[in-house]
Amino acid sequence: MRTFQQIAELRAHLRAARDDGQTIGFVPTMGALHEGHLSLIRRSCNDCDRTVVSIFVNPTQFGPNEDLDRYPRDLARDSRLCQEEGVDALFVPTVADMYPADADTWVEVPELSKPYEGAHRPGHFRGVATVCAKLFQIVQPHRAYFGQKDYQQLLVIQRMVADLCMPITIVACPTVREPDGLAMSSRNAYLDREEREAAAVLSRALFEAQRLFEAGERSADELRSAMVRVIESEPRARLDYVAIAHPQTLAALETVHDGCVALGAIRIGGTRLIDNVLLGVTLNHQARRPA
């Protein structure tokens, strides 16, 4: 595995592979890698001749009172994990290279960015779309891999790629979970023991909506109410939102059908957690951590 910081050097490295007809897979991350990230890397390594992983804590997707400064960083560990998984190139750019002082271009996907995460984190998806557009331009992958755990982000990236005619296939991969159901996230490292136990209430709420749907409930109001009840049963949890939405437009629904998405966000102590499940879809799409 080779590690690159300079954009030009990475491009030259990948140009040779592309000229040889090799396929390039790309996994963009902010580091603090966990089993969820590694599942994306393994999928890319299985699908593609070369796999590129980026590690870049993107400042433009953090709000002024969010956790940019304390976001977990461990480049030595992340690099070792990438090498063990067979990554070809690790890209670790600087903020100055990704956002030169005179940069004045932003990428936005307005409608998909408005609700849920967009409403609670203004400007977040503008930062996500912009950095992904830049990274896609640098790496020029054939396929890019994203986890379903960040469902709204996945839709935003898919829409951006389609609207800007980028020749990239966005591959959605299942959420990887801890044995108690908690979706893996780098921010889980913020949780102390009691908070960690409490955090599983979000996945329990989503799984309750899934259970009720499979039992025949089709009222979105009933499913939302059931999720709220589960979350309110945990005194450490503070609810940001729960929703039942169309799987492509994220429009709120009154009547639920197969493939709709249940989404939620809560706060445990100072940590904000998000998760989702697809209703009427097998649990293979909400994969648990391998034993």
Protein backbone atom coordinates (compact mmCIF):
# COMPACT_ATOMS: atom_id res chain seq x y z
CA MET A 1 0.00 0.00 0.00
CA ARG A 2 1.20 3.49 -0.84
CA THR A 3 0.16 6.59 1.09
CA PHE A 4 -0.33 9.86 -0.76
CA GLN A 5 -0.81 13.38 0.49
CA GLN A 6 -0.32 15.26 -2.76
CA ILE A 7 -3.19 15.26 -5.27
CA ALA A 8 -0.89 15.19 -8.31
CA GLU A 9 1.02 12.15 -7.06
CA LEU A 10 -2.15 10.16 -6.42
CA ARG A 11 -3.52 11.08 -9.84
CA ALA A 12 -0.32 9.92 -11.54
CA HIS A 13 -0.43 6.63 -9.63
CA LEU A 14 -4.05 5.97 -10.59
CA ARG A 15 -3.60 7.11 -14.18
CA ALA A 16 -1.21 4.23 -14.79
CA ALA A 17 -3.70 1.74 -13.36
CA ARG A 18 -6.53 3.22 -15.41
CA ASP A 19 -4.42 3.10 -18.59
CA ASP A 20 -3.90 -0.62 -17.91
CA GLY A 21 -7.67 -1.09 -17.92
CA GLN A 22 -7.91 -1.67 -14.18
CA THR A 23 -11.05 -0.77 -12.27
CA ILE A 24 -10.75 1.60 -9.32
CA GLY A 25 -12.91 1.44 -6.23
CA PHE A 26 -13.03 4.28 -3.73
CA VAL A 27 -14.01 4.44 -0.05
CA PRO A 28 -14.08 8.01 1.30
CA THR A 29 -13.80 8.19 5.11
CA MET A 30 -12.99 10.58 7.92
CA GLY A 31 -10.82 7.95 9.59
CA ALA A 32 -11.33 6.35 13.01
CA LEU A 33 -12.04 3.22 11.01
CA HIS A 34 -14.31 0.50 12.37
CA GLU A 35 -15.90 -2.67 11.05
CA GLY A 36 -18.43 -0.68 9.05
CA HIS A 37 -15.67 1.06 7.11
CA LEU A 38 -13.80 -2.22 6.70
CA SER A 39 -16.89 -3.84 5.18
CA LEU A 40 -16.89 -1.14 2.50
CA ILE A 41 -13.18 -1.65 1.87
CA ARG A 42 -13.63 -5.41 1.54
CA ARG A 43 -16.48 -4.93 -0.90
CA SER A 44 -14.36 -2.60 -3.01
CA CYS A 45 -11.37 -4.96 -2.94
CA ASN A 46 -13.65 -7.79 -4.03
CA ASP A 47 -15.25 -5.78 -6.84
CA CYS A 48 -12.32 -3.78 -8.19
CA ASP A 49 -8.70 -4.20 -9.26
CA ARG A 50 -7.52 -1.29 -7.12
CA THR A 51 -9.02 0.23 -3.98
CA VAL A 52 -8.35 3.77 -2.79
CA VAL A 53 -9.30 4.90 0.72
CA SER A 54 -9.27 8.56 1.71
CA ILE A 55 -8.96 9.82 5.26
CA PHE A 56 -9.96 13.45 5.59
CA VAL A 57 -11.82 15.04 8.48
CA ASN A 58 -13.79 17.48 6.37
CA PRO A 59 -14.22 20.79 8.21
CA THR A 60 -17.00 22.08 5.96
CA GLN A 61 -19.51 19.46 7.08
CA PHE A 62 -19.20 20.41 10.76
CA GLY A 63 -21.26 23.18 12.30
CA PRO A 64 -19.74 25.84 14.58
CA ASN A 65 -20.72 24.01 17.77
CA GLU A 66 -20.02 20.48 16.59
CA ASP A 67 -17.16 18.08 17.25
CA LEU A 68 -14.58 18.92 14.57
CA ASP A 69 -11.73 19.44 17.04
CA ARG A 70 -12.40 16.30 19.06
CA TYR A 71 -13.38 13.99 16.21
CA PRO A 72 -11.35 10.79 16.77
CA ARG A 73 -8.12 10.59 14.79
CA ASP A 74 -5.61 7.71 14.67
CA LEU A 75 -3.85 7.69 11.32
CA ALA A 76 -1.29 5.02 12.29
CA ARG A 77 -4.04 2.55 13.26
CA ASP A 78 -6.17 3.43 10.22
CA SER A 79 -3.19 2.96 7.90
CA ARG A 80 -2.42 -0.45 9.40
CA LEU A 81 -6.03 -1.58 8.97
CA CYS A 82 -6.09 -0.43 5.34
CA GLN A 83 -2.88 -2.29 4.59
CA GLU A 84 -4.23 -5.46 6.22
CA GLU A 85 -7.35 -5.26 4.05
CA GLY A 86 -5.37 -4.97 0.81
CA VAL A 87 -5.91 -1.29 0.02
CA ASP A 88 -3.76 -0.11 -2.88
CA ALA A 89 -3.60 3.61 -2.09
CA LEU A 90 -4.34 5.65 1.02
CA PHE A 91 -5.05 9.32 0.36
CA VAL A 92 -4.53 11.71 3.27
CA PRO A 93 -4.86 15.27 1.94
CA THR A 94 -4.47 18.44 3.96
CA VAL A 95 -7.21 21.01 4.51
CA ALA A 96 -5.12 23.54 2.59
CA ASP A 97 -4.97 21.26 -0.46
CA MET A 98 -8.67 20.43 -0.39
CA TYR A 99 -9.78 23.99 0.32
CA PRO A 100 -7.28 26.55 -1.01
CA ALA A 101 -7.65 30.00 0.48
CA ASP A 102 -9.22 31.40 -2.70
CA ALA A 103 -11.65 28.51 -3.26
CA ASP A 104 -15.20 29.76 -3.91
CA THR A 105 -17.13 26.82 -5.36
CA TRP A 106 -19.72 24.75 -3.49
CA VAL A 107 -21.90 21.82 -4.49
CA GLU A 108 -25.43 21.59 -3.13
CA VAL A 109 -28.34 19.15 -3.52
CA PRO A 110 -31.03 21.41 -2.08
CA GLU A 111 -34.21 19.36 -1.79
CA LEU A 112 -32.74 16.14 -0.42
CA SER A 113 -30.62 18.18 1.98
CA LYS A 114 -33.53 20.04 3.61
CA PRO A 115 -35.19 17.60 6.03
CA TYR A 116 -33.95 15.54 8.97
CA GLU A 117 -30.16 15.86 9.17
CA GLY A 118 -30.23 18.96 6.99
CA ALA A 119 -32.69 20.69 9.31
CA HIS A 120 -30.67 19.81 12.41
CA ARG A 121 -27.24 20.46 10.87
CA PRO A 122 -27.53 23.46 8.51
CA GLY A 123 -24.85 23.42 5.84
CA HIS A 124 -23.80 19.85 6.62
CA PHE A 125 -24.77 18.36 3.27
CA ARG A 126 -23.25 21.24 1.33
CA GLY A 127 -19.95 20.28 2.95
CA VAL A 128 -20.51 16.58 2.25
CA ALA A 129 -21.45 17.09 -1.40
CA THR A 130 -18.58 19.50 -2.01
CA VAL A 131 -15.89 17.30 -0.51
CA CYS A 132 -17.20 14.19 -2.28
CA ALA A 133 -17.27 16.06 -5.61
CA LYS A 134 -13.65 17.10 -5.05
CA LEU A 135 -12.57 13.61 -4.04
CA PHE A 136 -14.36 12.06 -7.02
CA GLN A 137 -12.56 14.49 -9.32
CA ILE A 138 -9.22 13.59 -7.77
CA VAL A 139 -9.61 9.80 -7.66
CA GLN A 140 -11.93 9.36 -10.67
CA PRO A 141 -13.10 5.95 -9.45
CA HIS A 142 -15.31 3.54 -11.34
CA ARG A 143 -17.20 2.75 -8.11
CA ALA A 144 -17.52 4.51 -4.76
CA TYR A 145 -18.78 2.76 -1.64
CA PHE A 146 -21.04 4.26 1.03
CA GLY A 147 -22.80 2.75 4.04
CA GLN A 148 -26.56 2.73 4.42
CA LYS A 149 -26.17 3.91 8.02
CA ASP A 150 -25.90 7.49 6.71
CA TYR A 151 -29.00 7.06 4.56
CA GLN A 152 -29.72 10.70 3.72
CA GLN A 153 -26.05 11.25 2.85
CA LEU A 154 -26.22 8.25 0.52
CA LEU A 155 -29.20 9.75 -1.32
CA VAL A 156 -27.53 13.16 -1.57
CA ILE A 157 -24.40 11.63 -3.12
CA GLN A 158 -26.42 9.48 -5.53
CA ARG A 159 -28.38 12.53 -6.68
CA MET A 160 -25.25 14.65 -7.07
CA VAL A 161 -23.54 11.98 -9.19
CA ALA A 162 -26.62 11.57 -11.38
CA ASP A 163 -27.28 15.29 -11.82
CA LEU A 164 -23.65 16.13 -12.63
CA CYS A 165 -23.29 13.16 -15.01
CA MET A 166 -20.34 11.75 -13.10
CA PRO A 167 -19.27 8.38 -14.56
CA ILE A 168 -19.28 6.70 -11.13
CA THR A 169 -21.41 3.90 -9.72
CA ILE A 170 -22.39 4.57 -6.11
CA VAL A 171 -22.53 1.24 -4.28
CA ALA A 172 -24.74 1.21 -1.16
CA CYS A 173 -23.61 -1.27 1.49
CA PRO A 174 -25.52 -2.58 4.53
CA THR A 175 -25.25 -1.05 7.96
CA VAL A 176 -22.92 -3.00 10.23
CA ARG A 177 -24.10 -3.32 13.81
CA GLU A 178 -22.81 -4.28 17.22
CA PRO A 179 -24.32 -7.44 18.76
CA ASP A 180 -26.95 -5.34 20.62
CA GLY A 181 -28.00 -3.62 17.39
CA LEU A 182 -26.18 -0.29 17.74
CA ALA A 183 -25.04 0.92 14.32
CA MET A 184 -21.28 1.23 14.16
CA SER A 185 -20.04 4.80 14.10
CA SER A 186 -16.77 6.53 14.85
CA ARG A 187 -18.68 8.73 17.30
CA ASN A 188 -19.56 5.70 19.44
CA ALA A 189 -16.08 6.16 20.91
CA TYR A 190 -17.41 9.22 22.76
CA LEU A 191 -19.82 7.11 24.82
CA ASP A 192 -18.96 5.97 28.35
CA ARG A 193 -20.17 2.57 29.55
CA GLU A 194 -23.63 3.69 30.69
CA GLU A 195 -24.13 5.88 27.62
CA ARG A 196 -23.08 3.00 25.39
CA GLU A 197 -25.76 0.77 26.93
CA ALA A 198 -28.36 3.50 26.50
CA ALA A 199 -27.41 4.17 22.85
CA ALA A 200 -28.89 0.87 21.66
CA VAL A 201 -32.37 2.34 22.27
CA LEU A 202 -32.27 3.95 18.81
CA SER A 203 -31.87 0.68 16.95
CA ARG A 204 -34.49 -0.92 19.21
CA ALA A 205 -36.93 1.81 18.23
CA LEU A 206 -36.25 1.28 14.53
CA PHE A 207 -36.52 -2.48 14.85
CA GLU A 208 -39.86 -2.01 16.64
CA ALA A 209 -41.14 -0.05 13.64
CA GLN A 210 -39.90 -2.83 11.40
CA ARG A 211 -41.61 -5.47 13.57
CA LEU A 212 -44.93 -3.62 13.51
CA PHE A 213 -44.72 -3.15 9.75
CA GLU A 214 -44.10 -6.86 9.26
CA ALA A 215 -47.11 -7.54 11.51
CA GLY A 216 -49.29 -5.52 9.14
CA GLU A 217 -49.23 -1.96 10.48
CA ARG A 218 -49.30 0.54 7.61
CA SER A 219 -49.95 3.82 9.43
CA ALA A 220 -46.87 6.02 9.49
CA ASP A 221 -48.25 7.84 12.54
CA GLU A 222 -48.51 4.57 14.46
CA LEU A 223 -44.97 3.57 13.54
CA ARG A 224 -43.58 6.96 14.51
CA SER A 225 -45.46 6.86 17.82
CA ALA A 226 -44.07 3.41 18.55
CA MET A 227 -40.52 4.60 17.91
CA VAL A 228 -40.99 7.62 20.16
CA ARG A 229 -42.30 5.42 22.98
CA VAL A 230 -39.25 3.17 22.82
CA ILE A 231 -36.84 6.10 22.83
CA GLU A 232 -38.67 7.86 25.67
CA SER A 233 -38.32 4.69 27.75
CA GLU A 234 -34.58 5.41 27.98
CA PRO A 235 -34.02 8.36 30.35
CA ARG A 236 -30.57 9.14 28.95
CA ALA A 237 -31.87 9.57 25.39
CA ARG A 238 -33.00 12.91 23.98
CA LEU A 239 -34.98 12.69 20.76
CA ASP A 240 -34.03 14.81 17.76
CA TYR A 241 -36.45 13.21 15.30
CA VAL A 242 -38.01 10.01 14.03
CA ALA A 243 -39.57 9.73 10.60
CA ILE A 244 -41.09 7.34 8.09
CA ALA A 245 -40.10 8.50 4.62
CA HIS A 246 -40.11 7.65 0.95
CA PRO A 247 -36.87 5.79 0.21
CA GLN A 248 -35.83 8.08 -2.68
CA THR A 249 -37.39 11.49 -2.05
CA LEU A 250 -37.45 11.37 1.79
CA ALA A 251 -40.97 12.80 1.67
CA ALA A 252 -42.93 12.13 4.86
CA LEU A 253 -45.61 9.48 4.43
CA GLU A 254 -49.03 8.74 5.83
CA THR A 255 -49.30 5.19 4.51
CA VAL A 256 -46.25 2.93 4.53
CA HIS A 257 -45.25 0.39 1.88
CA ASP A 258 -42.37 -2.01 1.29
CA GLY A 259 -39.02 -0.30 0.98
CA CYS A 260 -39.88 2.84 2.92
CA VAL A 261 -37.25 4.01 5.37
CA ALA A 262 -37.57 4.58 9.10
CA LEU A 263 -35.04 7.15 10.32
CA GLY A 264 -34.10 8.51 13.68
CA ALA A 265 -31.60 10.65 15.55
CA ILE A 266 -31.02 10.92 19.28
CA ARG A 267 -28.55 12.46 21.68
CA ILE A 268 -26.93 10.51 24.49
CA GLY A 269 -24.99 12.85 26.72
CA GLY A 270 -22.95 14.99 24.34
CA THR A 271 -23.06 12.47 21.49
CA ARG A 272 -25.47 12.58 18.59
CA LEU A 273 -26.36 9.27 16.90
CA ILE A 274 -28.32 8.51 13.72
CA ASP A 275 -29.65 5.27 12.28
CA ASN A 276 -32.27 3.86 9.93
CA VAL A 277 -33.88 0.65 8.70
CA LEU A 278 -35.71 -0.19 5.51
CA LEU A 279 -39.20 -1.54 6.14
CA GLY A 280 -40.24 -4.77 4.47
CA VAL A 281 -36.62 -5.55 3.57
CA THR A 282 -34.75 -8.53 4.99
CA LEU A 283 -32.28 -8.01 7.82
CA ASN A 284 -29.46 -8.74 5.37
CA HIS A 285 -29.76 -5.00 4.70
CA GLN A 286 -29.14 -4.26 8.36
CA ALA A 287 -26.19 -6.63 8.76
CA ARG A 288 -24.75 -7.29 12.18
CA ARG A 289 -21.09 -7.44 13.02
CA PRO A 290 -19.47 -10.81 12.15
CA ALA A 291 -18.87 -13.01 15.16
